[in-house]
Each structure stands twice: as C-alpha cells, then as structure tokens.
Amino acid sequence: MSETATATLALPTPRRRTMDVEALYRSCADDLYAYVRTVVRDPTLAEDVVAVAFERALARRGRFDDRRGSPRAWLFTIARNAAIDELRRGTKGAALTHDPVDERQPDPAELVVQRDERAARDASVAAAIASLPGRDRELVALKFHAGLSNAEIARVLELSPTNVGSRLHRILTRLREACHVEA
C-alpha cells in the first residue's frame, strides 16, 4: 500500500450515531412548537412546520453528527429552516397570544385574581415580544422556548456565542423596559 493510500485511510471519518427521533420528539415537541409558533406567528402553521421538521429529522437521522451539537440543537436547526421555508412562501402569521392559565389552583376566588394578573402580564410580554424584529424574536424563542445554550443558538443562527449573549442581553433589557420590570 502506498503512503497516499495509507494517509487516506487514516483520515478521520465523521462521527455519526443513529438518531432516536421518537425519544427526541417526546423530549422536546412542546418546546419546538413554542419556538416555531414564535417564529411563524400562526398556531396552525406552527403545527405544520413542526410536523415537517420531524419528518425531515426522521429522513436525515443517519446524517446526525454529535460533534456538531446536541440532537436538540440539530432538531431546532431543522425546524428553523422549515419555518423560514414557510415564511418565504409568503404565509402570513397571526399575532401572538398568551399561554392558558393553570386552572389547577385550589381557591376559585384566588384563581380569578391570579388569572387576571397573569393575563395582564402575558399580554404585556406578548406585546413586547411581538414588537421585536423577527431575528430578536427568534433569539428569545431559541433561548426560552427551546432552552438552548448560547453556543447552541450560535450554531443554529450561524453567529458567535459572544454575539448571541450580547444580543440576548440587549433584547431582555428592552423587554424589561417595555414590561416595566426591574432586573
């Protein structure tokens, strides 16, 4: 065997492992939906995009390389691309709404007060998030809906982790000011 052939054989091969898409679905489907809904701003379209993301993940599970990030970050990247594809098609999004109130509270009178307070907070936060530019909304969604680290967000958005951290800090400062919340 020649030196060239030996050198070629010694090159590292990509490290791939079989992806358990079902386990990935169970662990982050709700977070993925929340993220996609923030991006596309339409609940029905978000459901469709999440379904497309999981179909793509299932079809590409053999291509997952764990050196490039976690399975969760990989899936959010696929979902982001699917959402962008939908937005490029010209689909219009609906306004964000707040999360439903937790109705498992023991005291009905207290529940009414809590519901009203939460609705006011949620409306304020939803309005503040809706007023952000799309890229900023996406950063917030990846951080808080997806639960990704700054490094994982950086890989998804093709930014540096430092840039992600700085942008998130500025965005959160604007959101606190818009919602009149102290840090």
C-alpha atoms as a PDB file:
ATOM      1  CA  MET A   1       0.000   0.000   0.000  1.00  0.00           C
ATOM      2  CA  SER A   2       1.392   3.429  -0.903  1.00  0.00           C
ATOM      3  CA  GLU A   3       1.835   6.301   1.555  1.00  0.00           C
ATOM      4  CA  THR A   4      -1.010   8.203  -0.093  1.00  0.00           C
ATOM      5  CA  ALA A   5      -3.399   5.285   0.315  1.00  0.00           C
ATOM      6  CA  THR A   6      -2.372   4.866   3.950  1.00  0.00           C
ATOM      7  CA  ALA A   7      -2.843   8.588   4.626  1.00  0.00           C
ATOM      8  CA  THR A   8      -6.270   8.491   3.024  1.00  0.00           C
ATOM      9  CA  LEU A   9      -7.324   5.572   5.192  1.00  0.00           C
ATOM     10  CA  ALA A  10      -6.090   7.349   8.321  1.00  0.00           C
ATOM     11  CA  LEU A  11      -8.316  10.407   7.785  1.00  0.00           C
ATOM     12  CA  PRO A  12     -10.972  10.734  10.474  1.00  0.00           C
ATOM     13  CA  THR A  13     -14.472   9.852   9.414  1.00  0.00           C
ATOM     14  CA  PRO A  14     -17.491  11.801  10.605  1.00  0.00           C
ATOM     15  CA  ARG A  15     -18.824  10.500  13.894  1.00  0.00           C
ATOM     16  CA  ARG A  16     -22.466   9.724  13.406  1.00  0.00           C
ATOM     17  CA  ARG A  17     -24.878   7.832  15.515  1.00  0.00           C
ATOM     18  CA  THR A  18     -28.367   6.651  14.855  1.00  0.00           C
ATOM     19  CA  MET A  19     -30.877   9.222  15.995  1.00  0.00           C
ATOM     20  CA  ASP A  20     -33.802   8.151  18.155  1.00  0.00           C
ATOM     21  CA  VAL A  21     -36.307  10.594  16.676  1.00  0.00           C
ATOM     22  CA  GLU A  22     -39.165   9.222  18.776  1.00  0.00           C
ATOM     23  CA  ALA A  23     -37.306   9.961  22.027  1.00  0.00           C
ATOM     24  CA  LEU A  24     -36.326  13.366  20.666  1.00  0.00           C
ATOM     25  CA  TYR A  25     -39.982  14.038  19.844  1.00  0.00           C
ATOM     26  CA  ARG A  26     -41.105  13.101  23.359  1.00  0.00           C
ATOM     27  CA  SER A  27     -38.438  15.280  24.962  1.00  0.00           C
ATOM     28  CA  CYS A  28     -38.917  18.489  23.029  1.00  0.00           C
ATOM     29  CA  ALA A  29     -42.051  18.572  20.836  1.00  0.00           C
ATOM     30  CA  ASP A  30     -43.757  21.176  23.037  1.00  0.00           C
ATOM     31  CA  ASP A  31     -40.661  23.385  23.152  1.00  0.00           C
ATOM     32  CA  LEU A  32     -40.197  23.041  19.401  1.00  0.00           C
ATOM     33  CA  TYR A  33     -43.829  24.040  18.806  1.00  0.00           C
ATOM     34  CA  ALA A  34     -43.459  27.090  21.083  1.00  0.00           C
ATOM     35  CA  TYR A  35     -40.305  28.141  19.245  1.00  0.00           C
ATOM     36  CA  VAL A  36     -41.809  27.675  15.771  1.00  0.00           C
ATOM     37  CA  ARG A  37     -45.010  29.448  16.792  1.00  0.00           C
ATOM     38  CA  THR A  38     -42.956  32.435  17.897  1.00  0.00           C
ATOM     39  CA  VAL A  39     -41.211  32.482  14.521  1.00  0.00           C
ATOM     40  CA  VAL A  40     -44.216  31.956  12.220  1.00  0.00           C
ATOM     41  CA  ARG A  41     -46.824  33.608  14.494  1.00  0.00           C
ATOM     42  CA  ASP A  42     -49.622  31.249  13.492  1.00  0.00           C
ATOM     43  CA  PRO A  43     -50.642  28.213  15.604  1.00  0.00           C
ATOM     44  CA  THR A  44     -51.860  26.090  12.693  1.00  0.00           C
ATOM     45  CA  LEU A  45     -48.839  26.850  10.551  1.00  0.00           C
ATOM     46  CA  ALA A  46     -46.580  26.131  13.546  1.00  0.00           C
ATOM     47  CA  GLU A  47     -48.100  22.653  13.863  1.00  0.00           C
ATOM     48  CA  ASP A  48     -47.429  22.016  10.171  1.00  0.00           C
ATOM     49  CA  VAL A  49     -43.840  23.264  10.429  1.00  0.00           C
ATOM     50  CA  VAL A  50     -43.172  21.071  13.474  1.00  0.00           C
ATOM     51  CA  ALA A  51     -44.520  18.051  11.573  1.00  0.00           C
ATOM     52  CA  VAL A  52     -42.264  18.881   8.611  1.00  0.00           C
ATOM     53  CA  ALA A  53     -39.285  19.301  10.955  1.00  0.00           C
ATOM     54  CA  PHE A  54     -39.811  15.863  12.480  1.00  0.00           C
ATOM     55  CA  GLU A  55     -40.314  14.304   9.045  1.00  0.00           C
ATOM     56  CA  ARG A  56     -37.021  15.830   7.902  1.00  0.00           C
ATOM     57  CA  ALA A  57     -35.289  14.714  11.103  1.00  0.00           C
ATOM     58  CA  LEU A  58     -36.563  11.178  10.612  1.00  0.00           C
ATOM     59  CA  ALA A  59     -35.403  11.140   6.998  1.00  0.00           C
ATOM     60  CA  ARG A  60     -31.974  12.584   7.917  1.00  0.00           C
ATOM     61  CA  ARG A  61     -31.369  10.834  11.233  1.00  0.00           C
ATOM     62  CA  GLY A  62     -28.436   8.910   9.786  1.00  0.00           C
ATOM     63  CA  ARG A  63     -26.650  12.184   8.981  1.00  0.00           C
ATOM     64  CA  PHE A  64     -26.627  13.479  12.570  1.00  0.00           C
ATOM     65  CA  ASP A  65     -23.075  14.200  13.764  1.00  0.00           C
ATOM     66  CA  ASP A  66     -22.874  14.663  17.546  1.00  0.00           C
ATOM     67  CA  ARG A  67     -19.611  16.622  17.236  1.00  0.00           C
ATOM     68  CA  ARG A  68     -21.609  19.477  15.709  1.00  0.00           C
ATOM     69  CA  GLY A  69     -24.040  19.811  18.609  1.00  0.00           C
ATOM     70  CA  SER A  70     -26.784  18.165  20.582  1.00  0.00           C
ATOM     71  CA  PRO A  71     -29.707  16.333  18.965  1.00  0.00           C
ATOM     72  CA  ARG A  72     -31.971  19.068  20.333  1.00  0.00           C
ATOM     73  CA  ALA A  73     -29.974  21.853  18.655  1.00  0.00           C
ATOM     74  CA  TRP A  74     -29.900  19.802  15.430  1.00  0.00           C
ATOM     75  CA  LEU A  75     -33.693  19.474  15.514  1.00  0.00           C
ATOM     76  CA  PHE A  76     -34.198  23.194  16.212  1.00  0.00           C
ATOM     77  CA  THR A  77     -31.957  23.983  13.231  1.00  0.00           C
ATOM     78  CA  ILE A  78     -34.127  21.778  11.021  1.00  0.00           C
ATOM     79  CA  ALA A  79     -37.273  23.447  12.406  1.00  0.00           C
ATOM     80  CA  ARG A  80     -35.825  26.903  11.847  1.00  0.00           C
ATOM     81  CA  ASN A  81     -35.109  26.064   8.221  1.00  0.00           C
ATOM     82  CA  ALA A  82     -38.612  24.646   7.766  1.00  0.00           C
ATOM     83  CA  ALA A  83     -40.130  27.798   9.310  1.00  0.00           C
ATOM     84  CA  ILE A  84     -38.048  30.023   7.049  1.00  0.00           C
ATOM     85  CA  ASP A  85     -39.182  27.965   4.048  1.00  0.00           C
ATOM     86  CA  GLU A  86     -42.812  28.587   5.041  1.00  0.00           C
ATOM     87  CA  LEU A  87     -42.244  32.300   5.617  1.00  0.00           C
ATOM     88  CA  ARG A  88     -40.561  32.604   2.205  1.00  0.00           C
ATOM     89  CA  ARG A  89     -43.656  31.104   0.630  1.00  0.00           C
ATOM     90  CA  GLY A  90     -45.452  34.239   1.806  1.00  0.00           C
ATOM     91  CA  THR A  91     -47.557  32.734   4.554  1.00  0.00           C
ATOM     92  CA  LYS A  92     -48.859  35.469   6.829  1.00  0.00           C
ATOM     93  CA  GLY A  93     -48.662  34.924  10.587  1.00  0.00           C
ATOM     94  CA  ALA A  94     -51.201  35.733  13.257  1.00  0.00           C
ATOM     95  CA  ALA A  95     -50.481  37.764  16.388  1.00  0.00           C
ATOM     96  CA  LEU A  96     -49.019  36.030  19.408  1.00  0.00           C
ATOM     97  CA  THR A  97     -51.354  35.073  22.218  1.00  0.00           C
ATOM     98  CA  HIS A  98     -50.632  34.292  25.840  1.00  0.00           C
ATOM     99  CA  ASP A  99     -50.426  30.834  27.383  1.00  0.00           C
ATOM    100  CA  PRO A 100     -53.548  29.410  29.010  1.00  0.00           C
ATOM    101  CA  VAL A 101     -53.949  29.926  32.729  1.00  0.00           C
ATOM    102  CA  ASP A 102     -53.182  27.000  35.018  1.00  0.00           C
ATOM    103  CA  GLU A 103     -56.632  26.090  36.337  1.00  0.00           C
ATOM    104  CA  ARG A 104     -55.470  23.586  38.965  1.00  0.00           C
ATOM    105  CA  GLN A 105     -55.404  26.226  41.714  1.00  0.00           C
ATOM    106  CA  PRO A 106     -57.371  25.279  44.846  1.00  0.00           C
ATOM    107  CA  ASP A 107     -59.209  28.566  45.643  1.00  0.00           C
ATOM    108  CA  PRO A 108     -61.580  29.749  42.857  1.00  0.00           C
ATOM    109  CA  ALA A 109     -61.571  33.377  44.059  1.00  0.00           C
ATOM    110  CA  GLU A 110     -57.792  33.452  44.138  1.00  0.00           C
ATOM    111  CA  LEU A 111     -57.729  31.769  40.743  1.00  0.00           C
ATOM    112  CA  VAL A 112     -59.707  34.661  39.223  1.00  0.00           C
ATOM    113  CA  VAL A 113     -57.273  37.220  40.640  1.00  0.00           C
ATOM    114  CA  GLN A 114     -54.263  35.185  39.517  1.00  0.00           C
ATOM    115  CA  ARG A 115     -55.755  34.703  36.064  1.00  0.00           C
ATOM    116  CA  ASP A 116     -56.337  38.438  35.622  1.00  0.00           C
ATOM    117  CA  GLU A 117     -52.825  39.279  36.820  1.00  0.00           C
ATOM    118  CA  ARG A 118     -51.264  36.645  34.604  1.00  0.00           C
ATOM    119  CA  ALA A 119     -53.335  37.710  31.588  1.00  0.00           C
ATOM    120  CA  ALA A 120     -52.145  41.292  32.050  1.00  0.00           C
ATOM    121  CA  ARG A 121     -48.511  40.152  32.400  1.00  0.00           C
ATOM    122  CA  ASP A 122     -48.797  37.761  29.459  1.00  0.00           C
ATOM    123  CA  ALA A 123     -50.397  40.420  27.273  1.00  0.00           C
ATOM    124  CA  SER A 124     -47.637  42.837  28.190  1.00  0.00           C
ATOM    125  CA  VAL A 125     -44.907  40.278  27.474  1.00  0.00           C
ATOM    126  CA  ALA A 126     -46.586  39.088  24.257  1.00  0.00           C
ATOM    127  CA  ALA A 127     -46.914  42.676  23.026  1.00  0.00           C
ATOM    128  CA  ALA A 128     -43.288  43.402  23.904  1.00  0.00           C
ATOM    129  CA  ILE A 129     -42.097  40.240  22.113  1.00  0.00           C
ATOM    130  CA  ALA A 130     -44.345  40.937  19.111  1.00  0.00           C
ATOM    131  CA  SER A 131     -42.796  44.407  18.785  1.00  0.00           C
ATOM    132  CA  LEU A 132     -39.301  42.914  18.435  1.00  0.00           C
ATOM    133  CA  PRO A 133     -37.764  42.471  14.998  1.00  0.00           C
ATOM    134  CA  GLY A 134     -38.014  38.886  13.694  1.00  0.00           C
ATOM    135  CA  ARG A 135     -34.374  37.963  14.401  1.00  0.00           C
ATOM    136  CA  ASP A 136     -34.690  39.180  18.013  1.00  0.00           C
ATOM    137  CA  ARG A 137     -37.955  37.228  18.493  1.00  0.00           C
ATOM    138  CA  GLU A 138     -36.158  34.174  17.177  1.00  0.00           C
ATOM    139  CA  LEU A 139     -33.291  34.584  19.661  1.00  0.00           C
ATOM    140  CA  VAL A 140     -35.764  34.840  22.549  1.00  0.00           C
ATOM    141  CA  ALA A 141     -37.635  31.763  21.308  1.00  0.00           C
ATOM    142  CA  LEU A 142     -34.472  29.679  20.955  1.00  0.00           C
ATOM    143  CA  LYS A 143     -33.296  30.680  24.414  1.00  0.00           C
ATOM    144  CA  PHE A 144     -36.540  30.372  26.347  1.00  0.00           C
ATOM    145  CA  HIS A 145     -38.800  28.047  24.331  1.00  0.00           C
ATOM    146  CA  ALA A 146     -36.083  25.748  23.070  1.00  0.00           C
ATOM    147  CA  GLY A 147     -33.871  26.018  26.140  1.00  0.00           C
ATOM    148  CA  LEU A 148     -30.730  26.089  24.002  1.00  0.00           C
ATOM    149  CA  SER A 149     -27.420  27.374  25.315  1.00  0.00           C
ATOM    150  CA  ASN A 150     -25.837  30.432  23.731  1.00  0.00           C
ATOM    151  CA  ALA A 151     -23.340  28.163  21.946  1.00  0.00           C
ATOM    152  CA  GLU A 152     -26.170  26.044  20.509  1.00  0.00           C
ATOM    153  CA  ILE A 153     -28.084  29.158  19.447  1.00  0.00           C
ATOM    154  CA  ALA A 154     -24.916  30.433  17.790  1.00  0.00           C
ATOM    155  CA  ARG A 155     -24.665  27.231  15.747  1.00  0.00           C
ATOM    156  CA  VAL A 156     -28.348  27.394  14.753  1.00  0.00           C
ATOM    157  CA  LEU A 157     -28.182  31.057  13.688  1.00  0.00           C
ATOM    158  CA  GLU A 158     -24.582  30.982  12.433  1.00  0.00           C
ATOM    159  CA  LEU A 159     -23.434  33.670  14.884  1.00  0.00           C
ATOM    160  CA  SER A 160     -20.700  33.734  17.506  1.00  0.00           C
ATOM    161  CA  PRO A 161     -21.668  32.744  21.080  1.00  0.00           C
ATOM    162  CA  THR A 162     -20.475  36.174  22.257  1.00  0.00           C
ATOM    163  CA  ASN A 163     -22.735  37.893  19.742  1.00  0.00           C
ATOM    164  CA  VAL A 164     -25.667  35.751  20.889  1.00  0.00           C
ATOM    165  CA  GLY A 165     -25.034  36.653  24.538  1.00  0.00           C
ATOM    166  CA  SER A 166     -24.724  40.370  23.796  1.00  0.00           C
ATOM    167  CA  ARG A 167     -27.836  40.439  21.644  1.00  0.00           C
ATOM    168  CA  LEU A 168     -29.869  38.493  24.224  1.00  0.00           C
ATOM    169  CA  HIS A 169     -28.767  40.907  26.947  1.00  0.00           C
ATOM    170  CA  ARG A 170     -29.876  43.922  24.880  1.00  0.00           C
ATOM    171  CA  ILE A 171     -33.160  42.235  23.918  1.00  0.00           C
ATOM    172  CA  LEU A 172     -34.000  41.309  27.514  1.00  0.00           C
ATOM    173  CA  THR A 173     -33.199  44.832  28.658  1.00  0.00           C
ATOM    174  CA  ARG A 174     -35.644  46.184  26.045  1.00  0.00           C
ATOM    175  CA  LEU A 175     -38.295  43.640  27.084  1.00  0.00           C
ATOM    176  CA  ARG A 176     -37.930  44.570  30.775  1.00  0.00           C
ATOM    177  CA  GLU A 177     -38.287  48.244  29.916  1.00  0.00           C
ATOM    178  CA  ALA A 178     -41.317  47.546  27.725  1.00  0.00           C
ATOM    179  CA  CYS A 179     -42.935  45.490  30.501  1.00  0.00           C
ATOM    180  CA  HIS A 180     -41.810  47.900  33.246  1.00  0.00           C
ATOM    181  CA  VAL A 181     -39.949  45.161  35.143  1.00  0.00           C
ATOM    182  CA  GLU A 182     -36.812  45.734  37.207  1.00  0.00           C
ATOM    183  CA  ALA A 183     -33.846  43.429  36.627  1.00  0.00           C
END
